[in-house]
C-alpha cells in the first residue's frame, strides 16, 4: 500500500486540492492536522483522508512523526510526504517513488536544485545550500543537494527503522543523519516547487535556519559525544591546567595571585570537566540504547 502523508497547519484554502491530486497517485491519504484553528481537518475528512489531529500546534517534526506512526499502523509499503500548501506538485509522486519501486533506494528526496529553472527565492536558496552542506558533512553516507525539501518517499524499511525525535523543522536533517547511521540508501530526483503567490513558511527564515543547524549540532554530538565533546573538553581542561600552573608559578615567585589568570584557569577547567563528564554520560546512554535495541 502506498500512502501520502500530509502535515497541515491552517491550510483550509489549499488542503482540498492537495488531497485530491495526491489521491490520484496513492492508495490512501493521511493528514496530520497540527492544531489548526480553521477547517483544515473537516475538509480533509470530507474528502476521504484519514485525519489525525493534534490538540495544539506542536511543530512540523511532530506532525511528521505522527504520520510515521500511522504508516506503521497501516503496515504501509511506501509513504510519500508532501506539504499542504500546494508547494509540491503531486504529479511528481510517480517520479519520486520510482527508485523505491525499483529497489534502488530506501529514501528518495525531491530536490529543488536538480532543475535549472527552479524559482527558489535567493535568500531561501542560500539558506538551503548552507544547511545542506552542514548536513552532508554530518552524515555518514548521504550526499544530497537539498536537505530541507519535505517532498520525500520512504520504503517500509525506512518507515519501520527510523526513530525520530525532533518536533521542529530539524526533523528533515534528523532523517538524513539517522538514515546514514542505519545504512539506508538515500537518493534524489528533480521536482518542481511552487513559490509564486505562496507563503511557503510561517516561520522567520533566520530562526528556521538557526533551529535546523542547532538540531544538526545536537544530533551529531549525541551520536559521537566522545569526539565532539570529549576531545574539546580535554583540550579546555589542559588549557585550564596550564593557566593554573602559570598562576602558581607567579604566586611562588611574587607572593600574590593574579586574578585574571586564576579566573581564566578556573573557567577553562570547569568547562573542560563539564564537557568530559557530559561526553562520558552521553556515550554511556548511547551504548545502553544500542544494546537495548539489539535485544
Foldseek 3Di string as FASTA:
>chain_A
DEEEEEEDAQLPPQQLVVVVLLVVPGVAYEYEYQCHPDCNQVSCVVSPHHYHYDVHRQEPQVSVVVVLVVCVVVVHFKYWYDYRNQQFDSVCVVVQCVCVVVVNFFKEAADQPVDPPAPDDPVVLVLQQVLLVLLCVLADDDRDRGQQHRGMMGGSCLSVPDDFDDRYSLSSSVSRRVCRVVVGGYYYDYGHTDDPPTPPDPDDPVVNSVVNVVSSVVVSCLVQVCVPQVVQLVVLLVVLVVLVVVQVVCCVVVVDGDVVSNVSSVVSNVSSVVSNVVSVVSVVVVVVVVVVVVD
